[in-house]
Each structure stands twice: as C-alpha cells, then as structure tokens.
Amino acid sequence: MGLLIDKEVEEECHLGLWQITEDYDALFERVYLNEADLVRLNGFKNLNRKIESLSVRALLQQMTEPNARIVYRDSRKPYLADGSYNISISHSNKYTSILLGKGKLVGVDLEYMSHNIERTAHKFINEREVVTLDPVKRKEHLYVHWCAKEALYKICDKVDINFQKNLTIKPFDIATEGDIVGVVQNNLRNEEYRMHYSLKDNYALVYCVK
C-alpha cells in the first residue's frame, strides 16, 4: 500500500502515514541506504524491526527527497542529516508515521489499540486527569492519554520526564478526533502544548507542534 497520508498540518509542518504491506525485499528495493544505514539496518535481529526501519526510510524519502537520511544521537532522538526539518517517528503494527517541522518542535505517537491498557493506566494517569467511566469509550480515552504523553515525551527530548508526575492531559471529551491540551511541568519546563488526536481502524494517533 505504501503512502497513505502526506499533508501539511501547520505551516511547514507535514504529517505522513505509511501502511506496511510490503515485505522486506520490496521495501529494501525502494529506499536509498548508505553504508552507515546498512550497518544500522543489519544490527536489528528481528525481521519485523527491519521492516519497520525500512518503512520509515521509505516514508521519509516520499515526503522529502530520495537522499534524505536519519541520524541518531546518544539520546536515541532522530534527526535529519541535513538539518532541514525536526522529525518525530512512530510505528505500531502495520503503520508508520512521521511528523516533520521546519524550525518547530514536533512529536507524534501512533498506537494500535490491541491490549488491555486499563492494567497499566495507574502508571501514567495522574489525579488531575479525567478518564471516562463509559466502558465503550474508556479504552480509547486511555490510549489518547498515552499517545499524547508519548508525543510530549518526544517533543521534550525525552529529558527529565515521568509520564505520571510531569505530564498532564487536560480533561476532554473523547470523539473520533479533536484537539487537546497537554501540560509539561518539570525542572526544565512549565508549558502547555496544543495537540491533535484521531481514532481510526483501532489506531490512535496524536501529534504536537510547538
């Protein structure tokens, strides 16, 4: 299937979504990889992890240009080698997502809503947050909270962040999509971030631009 979405969500900020239907060989043939990229790819033991990595490269090269490259620093945060955009990456099950922002901080998280998130909710939901008690909607509400916090974690460079203590999602009514507000409070920041979420085909996606 390949590219599903490549849209400008804010000025000079693009969201991409790729559906992974290709096998390893098909993805490998459609991307450009240099020697360093090949070393990183071959370092993955799991075939699915290799396919995910190739799907990221395929999506990025569709959204930018064929020679676009991702590099990683010690924090494991991804960067574009040419510095043209800030980048955030997420993949889950059969989908990969990339958020690019020129001169803006970006964070995206994509989750396949497969497991019983209720069991781990106590680890990331705090007393300031409100989650619906409606059993039909509660799972989606929890997943949006989780994805929003992952997006904030990425936009804050994964530094000094505890999901329960430092991140709060302000109360919102769950729908198929909407805007929400997240608050980061730690030793480095005391800021609000406006985010957008969407729910479709048992996936939750949240992105943030600052």
C-alpha atoms as a PDB file:
ATOM      1  CA  MET A   1       0.000   0.000   0.000  1.00  0.00           C
ATOM      2  CA  GLY A   2       2.742   2.464   0.948  1.00  0.00           C
ATOM      3  CA  LEU A   3       1.987   6.164   1.395  1.00  0.00           C
ATOM      4  CA  LEU A   4      -1.483   6.878   2.823  1.00  0.00           C
ATOM      5  CA  ILE A   5      -1.142  10.453   4.079  1.00  0.00           C
ATOM      6  CA  ASP A   6       1.242  13.327   3.387  1.00  0.00           C
ATOM      7  CA  LYS A   7      -0.418  16.528   4.496  1.00  0.00           C
ATOM      8  CA  GLU A   8       0.569  19.906   5.870  1.00  0.00           C
ATOM      9  CA  VAL A   9      -0.909  20.145   9.371  1.00  0.00           C
ATOM     10  CA  GLU A  10       0.647  23.548  10.070  1.00  0.00           C
ATOM     11  CA  GLU A  11       2.795  25.891   8.032  1.00  0.00           C
ATOM     12  CA  GLU A  12       5.972  23.990   7.043  1.00  0.00           C
ATOM     13  CA  CYS A  13       4.935  21.045   9.165  1.00  0.00           C
ATOM     14  CA  HIS A  14       3.952  17.769   7.485  1.00  0.00           C
ATOM     15  CA  LEU A  15       2.398  14.566   8.781  1.00  0.00           C
ATOM     16  CA  GLY A  16       2.999  11.336   6.889  1.00  0.00           C
ATOM     17  CA  LEU A  17       1.429   7.897   7.307  1.00  0.00           C
ATOM     18  CA  TRP A  18       2.598   4.673   5.647  1.00  0.00           C
ATOM     19  CA  GLN A  19       0.758   1.350   5.605  1.00  0.00           C
ATOM     20  CA  ILE A  20       3.238  -1.532   5.632  1.00  0.00           C
ATOM     21  CA  THR A  21       2.019  -4.113   3.144  1.00  0.00           C
ATOM     22  CA  GLU A  22       5.397  -4.759   1.507  1.00  0.00           C
ATOM     23  CA  ASP A  23       7.819  -7.483   2.514  1.00  0.00           C
ATOM     24  CA  TYR A  24      11.465  -6.835   3.390  1.00  0.00           C
ATOM     25  CA  ASP A  25      12.788  -7.201  -0.163  1.00  0.00           C
ATOM     26  CA  ALA A  26      10.201  -4.876  -1.684  1.00  0.00           C
ATOM     27  CA  LEU A  27      10.909  -2.154   0.868  1.00  0.00           C
ATOM     28  CA  PHE A  28      14.665  -2.593   0.590  1.00  0.00           C
ATOM     29  CA  GLU A  29      14.492  -2.076  -3.177  1.00  0.00           C
ATOM     30  CA  ARG A  30      12.629   1.211  -2.947  1.00  0.00           C
ATOM     31  CA  VAL A  31      14.882   3.083  -0.490  1.00  0.00           C
ATOM     32  CA  TYR A  32      18.363   4.574  -0.700  1.00  0.00           C
ATOM     33  CA  LEU A  33      20.693   3.424   2.082  1.00  0.00           C
ATOM     34  CA  ASN A  34      24.351   4.335   2.516  1.00  0.00           C
ATOM     35  CA  GLU A  35      26.911   2.209   4.343  1.00  0.00           C
ATOM     36  CA  ALA A  36      26.050   3.574   7.794  1.00  0.00           C
ATOM     37  CA  ASP A  37      22.354   2.964   7.163  1.00  0.00           C
ATOM     38  CA  LEU A  38      23.059  -0.633   6.151  1.00  0.00           C
ATOM     39  CA  VAL A  39      25.083  -1.218   9.311  1.00  0.00           C
ATOM     40  CA  ARG A  40      22.208   0.055  11.426  1.00  0.00           C
ATOM     41  CA  LEU A  41      19.654  -1.999   9.491  1.00  0.00           C
ATOM     42  CA  ASN A  42      21.677  -5.196   9.785  1.00  0.00           C
ATOM     43  CA  GLY A  43      22.056  -4.580  13.506  1.00  0.00           C
ATOM     44  CA  PHE A  44      18.392  -5.397  14.047  1.00  0.00           C
ATOM     45  CA  LYS A  45      17.910  -9.093  14.841  1.00  0.00           C
ATOM     46  CA  ASN A  46      14.162  -9.147  14.302  1.00  0.00           C
ATOM     47  CA  LEU A  47      12.797  -9.135  10.737  1.00  0.00           C
ATOM     48  CA  ASN A  48       9.760  -7.057  11.701  1.00  0.00           C
ATOM     49  CA  ARG A  49      12.032  -4.437  13.235  1.00  0.00           C
ATOM     50  CA  LYS A  50      13.999  -4.296   9.975  1.00  0.00           C
ATOM     51  CA  ILE A  51      10.775  -3.863   8.001  1.00  0.00           C
ATOM     52  CA  GLU A  52       9.675  -1.053  10.341  1.00  0.00           C
ATOM     53  CA  SER A  53      13.012   0.689   9.853  1.00  0.00           C
ATOM     54  CA  LEU A  54      12.757   0.423   6.074  1.00  0.00           C
ATOM     55  CA  SER A  55       9.188   1.740   6.131  1.00  0.00           C
ATOM     56  CA  VAL A  56      10.406   4.824   7.998  1.00  0.00           C
ATOM     57  CA  ARG A  57      13.029   5.445   5.313  1.00  0.00           C
ATOM     58  CA  ALA A  58      10.505   4.863   2.528  1.00  0.00           C
ATOM     59  CA  LEU A  59       8.024   7.295   4.071  1.00  0.00           C
ATOM     60  CA  LEU A  60      10.673   9.949   4.714  1.00  0.00           C
ATOM     61  CA  GLN A  61      12.011   9.738   1.170  1.00  0.00           C
ATOM     62  CA  GLN A  62       8.459  10.087  -0.175  1.00  0.00           C
ATOM     63  CA  MET A  63       7.868  13.151   1.990  1.00  0.00           C
ATOM     64  CA  THR A  64      11.210  14.848   1.275  1.00  0.00           C
ATOM     65  CA  GLU A  65      13.742  13.608  -1.295  1.00  0.00           C
ATOM     66  CA  PRO A  66      15.439  10.295  -2.207  1.00  0.00           C
ATOM     67  CA  ASN A  67      18.701  11.000  -0.367  1.00  0.00           C
ATOM     68  CA  ALA A  68      17.078  12.019   2.923  1.00  0.00           C
ATOM     69  CA  ARG A  69      18.820  10.375   5.851  1.00  0.00           C
ATOM     70  CA  ILE A  70      18.065   9.944   9.536  1.00  0.00           C
ATOM     71  CA  VAL A  71      20.808  10.002  12.136  1.00  0.00           C
ATOM     72  CA  TYR A  72      20.570   9.264  15.841  1.00  0.00           C
ATOM     73  CA  ARG A  73      22.402  10.879  18.734  1.00  0.00           C
ATOM     74  CA  ASP A  74      23.178   9.341  22.122  1.00  0.00           C
ATOM     75  CA  SER A  75      19.657  10.091  23.379  1.00  0.00           C
ATOM     76  CA  ARG A  76      18.259   7.955  20.537  1.00  0.00           C
ATOM     77  CA  LYS A  77      16.416  11.027  19.264  1.00  0.00           C
ATOM     78  CA  PRO A  78      16.224  11.053  15.452  1.00  0.00           C
ATOM     79  CA  TYR A  79      17.479  13.939  13.310  1.00  0.00           C
ATOM     80  CA  LEU A  80      17.674  14.599   9.604  1.00  0.00           C
ATOM     81  CA  ALA A  81      21.287  14.603   8.479  1.00  0.00           C
ATOM     82  CA  ASP A  82      20.869  17.864   6.541  1.00  0.00           C
ATOM     83  CA  GLY A  83      19.028  19.615   9.392  1.00  0.00           C
ATOM     84  CA  SER A  84      16.198  20.682   7.069  1.00  0.00           C
ATOM     85  CA  TYR A  85      13.424  19.581   9.459  1.00  0.00           C
ATOM     86  CA  ASN A  86      12.908  18.437  13.008  1.00  0.00           C
ATOM     87  CA  ILE A  87      11.481  14.927  12.916  1.00  0.00           C
ATOM     88  CA  SER A  88       9.424  12.625  15.111  1.00  0.00           C
ATOM     89  CA  ILE A  89       8.732   8.974  14.263  1.00  0.00           C
ATOM     90  CA  SER A  90       6.248   6.375  15.443  1.00  0.00           C
ATOM     91  CA  HIS A  91       5.234   2.927  14.263  1.00  0.00           C
ATOM     92  CA  SER A  92       2.763   0.352  15.509  1.00  0.00           C
ATOM     93  CA  ASN A  93       1.625  -2.924  13.993  1.00  0.00           C
ATOM     94  CA  LYS A  94       1.234  -2.217  10.242  1.00  0.00           C
ATOM     95  CA  TYR A  95       1.566   1.568  10.182  1.00  0.00           C
ATOM     96  CA  THR A  96       4.410   4.069  10.351  1.00  0.00           C
ATOM     97  CA  SER A  97       4.064   7.790  10.959  1.00  0.00           C
ATOM     98  CA  ILE A  98       6.458  10.721  10.589  1.00  0.00           C
ATOM     99  CA  LEU A  99       5.974  14.341  11.627  1.00  0.00           C
ATOM    100  CA  LEU A 100       8.306  16.940  10.095  1.00  0.00           C
ATOM    101  CA  GLY A 101       8.582  20.541  11.254  1.00  0.00           C
ATOM    102  CA  LYS A 102      10.790  23.285   9.832  1.00  0.00           C
ATOM    103  CA  GLY A 103      12.062  25.332  12.751  1.00  0.00           C
ATOM    104  CA  LYS A 104       9.415  23.815  15.054  1.00  0.00           C
ATOM    105  CA  LEU A 105       9.446  21.165  17.755  1.00  0.00           C
ATOM    106  CA  VAL A 106       7.395  18.105  16.805  1.00  0.00           C
ATOM    107  CA  GLY A 107       6.139  14.950  18.476  1.00  0.00           C
ATOM    108  CA  VAL A 108       3.939  12.147  17.140  1.00  0.00           C
ATOM    109  CA  ASP A 109       2.754   8.837  18.553  1.00  0.00           C
ATOM    110  CA  LEU A 110       0.771   6.088  16.883  1.00  0.00           C
ATOM    111  CA  GLU A 111      -0.626   3.089  18.746  1.00  0.00           C
ATOM    112  CA  TYR A 112      -2.590   0.021  17.703  1.00  0.00           C
ATOM    113  CA  MET A 113      -5.211  -0.340  20.435  1.00  0.00           C
ATOM    114  CA  SER A 114      -4.713  -4.046  20.963  1.00  0.00           C
ATOM    115  CA  HIS A 115      -4.004  -4.711  24.624  1.00  0.00           C
ATOM    116  CA  ASN A 116      -5.904  -4.003  27.829  1.00  0.00           C
ATOM    117  CA  ILE A 117      -4.424  -0.597  28.631  1.00  0.00           C
ATOM    118  CA  GLU A 118      -6.534  -0.440  31.794  1.00  0.00           C
ATOM    119  CA  ARG A 119      -3.985  -2.684  33.514  1.00  0.00           C
ATOM    120  CA  THR A 120      -1.204  -0.111  33.145  1.00  0.00           C
ATOM    121  CA  ALA A 121      -3.274   3.089  33.406  1.00  0.00           C
ATOM    122  CA  HIS A 122      -2.201   3.640  37.026  1.00  0.00           C
ATOM    123  CA  LYS A 123       1.370   4.077  35.810  1.00  0.00           C
ATOM    124  CA  PHE A 124       0.676   7.100  33.588  1.00  0.00           C
ATOM    125  CA  ILE A 125      -2.672   8.653  34.631  1.00  0.00           C
ATOM    126  CA  ASN A 126      -2.497  11.173  37.497  1.00  0.00           C
ATOM    127  CA  GLU A 127      -5.100  12.621  39.864  1.00  0.00           C
ATOM    128  CA  ARG A 128      -5.533  15.789  37.766  1.00  0.00           C
ATOM    129  CA  GLU A 129      -6.688  13.832  34.724  1.00  0.00           C
ATOM    130  CA  VAL A 130     -10.216  12.698  33.932  1.00  0.00           C
ATOM    131  CA  VAL A 131     -10.933   9.444  32.089  1.00  0.00           C
ATOM    132  CA  THR A 132     -14.477   8.469  31.160  1.00  0.00           C
ATOM    133  CA  LEU A 133     -16.132   5.623  33.044  1.00  0.00           C
ATOM    134  CA  ASP A 134     -18.103   4.648  29.932  1.00  0.00           C
ATOM    135  CA  PRO A 135     -16.775   1.123  29.232  1.00  0.00           C
ATOM    136  CA  VAL A 136     -17.243   1.560  25.466  1.00  0.00           C
ATOM    137  CA  LYS A 137     -15.144   4.737  25.291  1.00  0.00           C
ATOM    138  CA  ARG A 138     -12.720   4.257  28.184  1.00  0.00           C
ATOM    139  CA  LYS A 139     -10.150   2.245  26.229  1.00  0.00           C
ATOM    140  CA  GLU A 140      -9.926   4.905  23.510  1.00  0.00           C
ATOM    141  CA  HIS A 141      -9.753   7.673  26.113  1.00  0.00           C
ATOM    142  CA  LEU A 142      -6.830   5.963  27.856  1.00  0.00           C
ATOM    143  CA  TYR A 143      -4.991   5.373  24.582  1.00  0.00           C
ATOM    144  CA  VAL A 144      -5.298   9.036  23.618  1.00  0.00           C
ATOM    145  CA  HIS A 145      -3.851   9.996  27.010  1.00  0.00           C
ATOM    146  CA  TRP A 146      -0.971   7.570  26.476  1.00  0.00           C
ATOM    147  CA  CYS A 147      -0.248   8.706  22.900  1.00  0.00           C
ATOM    148  CA  ALA A 148      -0.411  12.359  23.927  1.00  0.00           C
ATOM    149  CA  LYS A 149       2.123  11.767  26.669  1.00  0.00           C
ATOM    150  CA  GLU A 150       4.405   9.878  24.284  1.00  0.00           C
ATOM    151  CA  ALA A 151       4.231  12.803  21.852  1.00  0.00           C
ATOM    152  CA  LEU A 152       5.091  15.244  24.640  1.00  0.00           C
ATOM    153  CA  TYR A 153       7.922  12.987  25.795  1.00  0.00           C
ATOM    154  CA  LYS A 154       9.410  13.133  22.313  1.00  0.00           C
ATOM    155  CA  ILE A 155       8.909  16.864  21.852  1.00  0.00           C
ATOM    156  CA  CYS A 156      10.713  17.443  25.179  1.00  0.00           C
ATOM    157  CA  ASP A 157      13.707  15.372  24.011  1.00  0.00           C
ATOM    158  CA  LYS A 158      12.919  12.562  26.483  1.00  0.00           C
ATOM    159  CA  VAL A 159      14.679  14.502  29.252  1.00  0.00           C
ATOM    160  CA  ASP A 160      13.527  14.588  32.916  1.00  0.00           C
ATOM    161  CA  ILE A 161      10.047  13.247  32.112  1.00  0.00           C
ATOM    162  CA  ASN A 162       7.923  10.962  34.253  1.00  0.00           C
ATOM    163  CA  PHE A 163       4.638  10.242  32.476  1.00  0.00           C
ATOM    164  CA  GLN A 164       2.559  10.383  35.644  1.00  0.00           C
ATOM    165  CA  LYS A 165       4.302  13.165  37.561  1.00  0.00           C
ATOM    166  CA  ASN A 166       5.433  15.591  34.847  1.00  0.00           C
ATOM    167  CA  LEU A 167       2.774  15.224  32.128  1.00  0.00           C
ATOM    168  CA  THR A 168      -0.908  16.116  32.439  1.00  0.00           C
ATOM    169  CA  ILE A 169      -3.578  15.999  29.748  1.00  0.00           C
ATOM    170  CA  LYS A 170      -6.343  18.475  30.490  1.00  0.00           C
ATOM    171  CA  PRO A 171      -9.862  16.972  30.626  1.00  0.00           C
ATOM    172  CA  PHE A 172     -11.543  16.408  27.251  1.00  0.00           C
ATOM    173  CA  ASP A 173     -14.498  14.500  25.844  1.00  0.00           C
ATOM    174  CA  ILE A 174     -13.423  11.602  23.656  1.00  0.00           C
ATOM    175  CA  ALA A 175     -14.521  11.671  19.990  1.00  0.00           C
ATOM    176  CA  THR A 176     -13.159  10.293  16.722  1.00  0.00           C
ATOM    177  CA  GLU A 177     -10.811  13.277  16.556  1.00  0.00           C
ATOM    178  CA  GLY A 178     -10.192  16.550  18.307  1.00  0.00           C
ATOM    179  CA  ASP A 179      -7.783  18.996  19.921  1.00  0.00           C
ATOM    180  CA  ILE A 180      -6.444  18.536  23.418  1.00  0.00           C
ATOM    181  CA  VAL A 181      -4.007  20.352  25.703  1.00  0.00           C
ATOM    182  CA  GLY A 182      -1.065  18.789  27.483  1.00  0.00           C
ATOM    183  CA  VAL A 183       0.959  20.351  30.285  1.00  0.00           C
ATOM    184  CA  VAL A 184       4.647  19.665  30.952  1.00  0.00           C
ATOM    185  CA  GLN A 185       5.919  20.558  34.419  1.00  0.00           C
ATOM    186  CA  ASN A 186       9.455  19.614  35.378  1.00  0.00           C
ATOM    187  CA  ASN A 187      12.782  21.236  36.191  1.00  0.00           C
ATOM    188  CA  LEU A 188      13.177  22.400  32.585  1.00  0.00           C
ATOM    189  CA  ARG A 189       9.650  23.411  31.528  1.00  0.00           C
ATOM    190  CA  ASN A 190       6.292  24.664  32.704  1.00  0.00           C
ATOM    191  CA  GLU A 191       4.410  24.863  29.427  1.00  0.00           C
ATOM    192  CA  GLU A 192       1.167  23.981  27.706  1.00  0.00           C
ATOM    193  CA  TYR A 193       1.089  22.219  24.350  1.00  0.00           C
ATOM    194  CA  ARG A 194      -1.864  22.014  21.990  1.00  0.00           C
ATOM    195  CA  MET A 195      -2.208  18.622  20.298  1.00  0.00           C
ATOM    196  CA  HIS A 196      -4.480  16.917  17.814  1.00  0.00           C
ATOM    197  CA  TYR A 197      -5.703  13.327  18.044  1.00  0.00           C
ATOM    198  CA  SER A 198      -7.586  10.964  15.749  1.00  0.00           C
ATOM    199  CA  LEU A 199      -9.006   7.465  16.127  1.00  0.00           C
ATOM    200  CA  LYS A 200      -9.496   5.161  13.143  1.00  0.00           C
ATOM    201  CA  ASP A 201      -9.470   1.410  12.448  1.00  0.00           C
ATOM    202  CA  ASN A 202      -8.460   0.644  16.045  1.00  0.00           C
ATOM    203  CA  TYR A 203      -5.461   3.004  15.902  1.00  0.00           C
ATOM    204  CA  ALA A 204      -4.874   6.126  17.973  1.00  0.00           C
ATOM    205  CA  LEU A 205      -2.650   8.916  16.649  1.00  0.00           C
ATOM    206  CA  VAL A 206      -1.640  12.113  18.442  1.00  0.00           C
ATOM    207  CA  TYR A 207       0.673  14.831  17.149  1.00  0.00           C
ATOM    208  CA  CYS A 208       2.003  18.061  18.599  1.00  0.00           C
ATOM    209  CA  VAL A 209       3.772  21.056  17.061  1.00  0.00           C
ATOM    210  CA  LYS A 210       5.401  23.797  19.138  1.00  0.00           C
END
